[in-house]
Amino acid sequence: MNNLDLAKQDMTFDYGERSFALRAYRDDGSWHSVIIENKTPLRNNLPPTADAAKCFAAAVAFVTAAVDAKGRVPVAKTAIS
């Protein structure tokens, strides 16, 4: 049986009038992000990072770019490549 090496860190992020929950979790040595707004996970194509801080920074950049680009349109309806 493989030894699971999982860790997670959570953070909240408010941007404008919107609130987001961010989670960074470690899987197989890399950190991955989950972005949630109003209980809805948002799709993102962010690459894994080497540490949680870089993971959170990428998630915050994703959210701000999506909100700024789309204005009041829900981020869940957007896709940033």
C-alpha atoms as a PDB file:
ATOM      1  CA  MET A   1       0.000   0.000   0.000  1.00  0.00           C
ATOM      2  CA  ASN A   2       1.334   3.423  -0.914  1.00  0.00           C
ATOM      3  CA  ASN A   3       2.115   5.891   1.816  1.00  0.00           C
ATOM      4  CA  LEU A   4      -0.213   8.863   1.324  1.00  0.00           C
ATOM      5  CA  ASP A   5       1.569  12.164   1.690  1.00  0.00           C
ATOM      6  CA  LEU A   6      -1.344  14.600   1.694  1.00  0.00           C
ATOM      7  CA  ALA A   7      -1.438  18.022   3.252  1.00  0.00           C
ATOM      8  CA  LYS A   8      -3.784  20.942   2.803  1.00  0.00           C
ATOM      9  CA  GLN A   9      -3.987  24.624   3.600  1.00  0.00           C
ATOM     10  CA  ASP A  10      -7.033  26.868   3.352  1.00  0.00           C
ATOM     11  CA  MET A  11      -7.383  30.592   2.797  1.00  0.00           C
ATOM     12  CA  THR A  12     -10.213  33.019   2.120  1.00  0.00           C
ATOM     13  CA  PHE A  13      -9.938  35.809  -0.399  1.00  0.00           C
ATOM     14  CA  ASP A  14     -12.303  38.746  -0.876  1.00  0.00           C
ATOM     15  CA  TYR A  15     -12.194  40.649  -4.141  1.00  0.00           C
ATOM     16  CA  GLY A  16     -14.628  43.483  -4.661  1.00  0.00           C
ATOM     17  CA  GLU A  17     -17.945  42.306  -3.274  1.00  0.00           C
ATOM     18  CA  ARG A  18     -17.137  38.634  -3.831  1.00  0.00           C
ATOM     19  CA  SER A  19     -15.659  36.039  -1.495  1.00  0.00           C
ATOM     20  CA  PHE A  20     -13.662  32.985  -2.465  1.00  0.00           C
ATOM     21  CA  ALA A  21     -12.335  30.019  -0.531  1.00  0.00           C
ATOM     22  CA  LEU A  22      -8.984  28.733  -1.719  1.00  0.00           C
ATOM     23  CA  ARG A  23      -7.475  25.373  -0.871  1.00  0.00           C
ATOM     24  CA  ALA A  24      -3.977  24.207  -1.649  1.00  0.00           C
ATOM     25  CA  TYR A  25      -3.396  20.495  -1.299  1.00  0.00           C
ATOM     26  CA  ARG A  26      -0.270  18.448  -1.784  1.00  0.00           C
ATOM     27  CA  ASP A  27      -0.420  15.337  -3.887  1.00  0.00           C
ATOM     28  CA  ASP A  28       2.621  13.402  -5.013  1.00  0.00           C
ATOM     29  CA  GLY A  29       5.005  16.201  -4.025  1.00  0.00           C
ATOM     30  CA  SER A  30       3.228  19.031  -5.874  1.00  0.00           C
ATOM     31  CA  TRP A  31       0.660  21.567  -4.684  1.00  0.00           C
ATOM     32  CA  HIS A  32      -2.685  21.874  -6.496  1.00  0.00           C
ATOM     33  CA  SER A  33      -5.439  24.456  -6.048  1.00  0.00           C
ATOM     34  CA  VAL A  34      -9.186  24.406  -5.570  1.00  0.00           C
ATOM     35  CA  ILE A  35     -11.115  27.675  -5.887  1.00  0.00           C
ATOM     36  CA  ILE A  36     -14.656  27.937  -4.506  1.00  0.00           C
ATOM     37  CA  GLU A  37     -17.220  30.727  -4.762  1.00  0.00           C
ATOM     38  CA  ASN A  38     -20.614  30.320  -3.086  1.00  0.00           C
ATOM     39  CA  LYS A  39     -20.113  26.569  -2.579  1.00  0.00           C
ATOM     40  CA  THR A  40     -19.330  26.156  -6.286  1.00  0.00           C
ATOM     41  CA  PRO A  41     -15.881  24.874  -7.267  1.00  0.00           C
ATOM     42  CA  LEU A  42     -14.463  26.877 -10.153  1.00  0.00           C
ATOM     43  CA  ARG A  43     -12.692  25.179 -13.017  1.00  0.00           C
ATOM     44  CA  ASN A  44      -9.107  26.228 -13.480  1.00  0.00           C
ATOM     45  CA  ASN A  45      -6.162  24.901 -15.404  1.00  0.00           C
ATOM     46  CA  LEU A  46      -3.501  26.098 -12.993  1.00  0.00           C
ATOM     47  CA  PRO A  47      -0.368  23.955 -13.061  1.00  0.00           C
ATOM     48  CA  PRO A  48       0.920  22.282  -9.877  1.00  0.00           C
ATOM     49  CA  THR A  49       3.450  24.306  -7.897  1.00  0.00           C
ATOM     50  CA  ALA A  50       6.388  23.534  -5.632  1.00  0.00           C
ATOM     51  CA  ASP A  51       4.865  25.061  -2.483  1.00  0.00           C
ATOM     52  CA  ALA A  52       1.553  26.235  -1.020  1.00  0.00           C
ATOM     53  CA  ALA A  53       2.429  29.955  -1.166  1.00  0.00           C
ATOM     54  CA  LYS A  54       2.978  29.802  -4.933  1.00  0.00           C
ATOM     55  CA  CYS A  55      -0.221  27.796  -5.283  1.00  0.00           C
ATOM     56  CA  PHE A  56      -2.219  30.473  -3.434  1.00  0.00           C
ATOM     57  CA  ALA A  57      -0.554  33.248  -5.448  1.00  0.00           C
ATOM     58  CA  ALA A  58      -1.547  31.561  -8.710  1.00  0.00           C
ATOM     59  CA  ALA A  59      -5.122  31.032  -7.480  1.00  0.00           C
ATOM     60  CA  VAL A  60      -5.444  34.697  -6.415  1.00  0.00           C
ATOM     61  CA  ALA A  61      -4.087  35.824  -9.789  1.00  0.00           C
ATOM     62  CA  PHE A  62      -6.589  33.546 -11.556  1.00  0.00           C
ATOM     63  CA  VAL A  63      -9.528  34.939  -9.567  1.00  0.00           C
ATOM     64  CA  THR A  64      -8.556  38.588 -10.011  1.00  0.00           C
ATOM     65  CA  ALA A  65      -8.000  38.146 -13.751  1.00  0.00           C
ATOM     66  CA  ALA A  66     -11.339  36.362 -14.188  1.00  0.00           C
ATOM     67  CA  VAL A  67     -13.287  38.925 -12.164  1.00  0.00           C
ATOM     68  CA  ASP A  68     -11.587  41.887 -13.849  1.00  0.00           C
ATOM     69  CA  ALA A  69     -12.105  40.417 -17.325  1.00  0.00           C
ATOM     70  CA  LYS A  70     -15.722  39.497 -16.869  1.00  0.00           C
ATOM     71  CA  GLY A  71     -16.940  42.131 -14.425  1.00  0.00           C
ATOM     72  CA  ARG A  72     -20.159  40.972 -12.782  1.00  0.00           C
ATOM     73  CA  VAL A  73     -20.426  37.695 -14.722  1.00  0.00           C
ATOM     74  CA  PRO A  74     -20.024  34.732 -12.347  1.00  0.00           C
ATOM     75  CA  VAL A  75     -16.471  33.412 -12.451  1.00  0.00           C
ATOM     76  CA  ALA A  76     -17.865  29.873 -12.725  1.00  0.00           C
ATOM     77  CA  LYS A  77     -18.989  30.761 -16.258  1.00  0.00           C
ATOM     78  CA  THR A  78     -15.533  31.885 -17.374  1.00  0.00           C
ATOM     79  CA  ALA A  79     -12.483  30.036 -18.588  1.00  0.00           C
ATOM     80  CA  ILE A  80      -8.997  31.457 -18.628  1.00  0.00           C
ATOM     81  CA  SER A  81      -6.345  29.619 -20.591  1.00  0.00           C
END
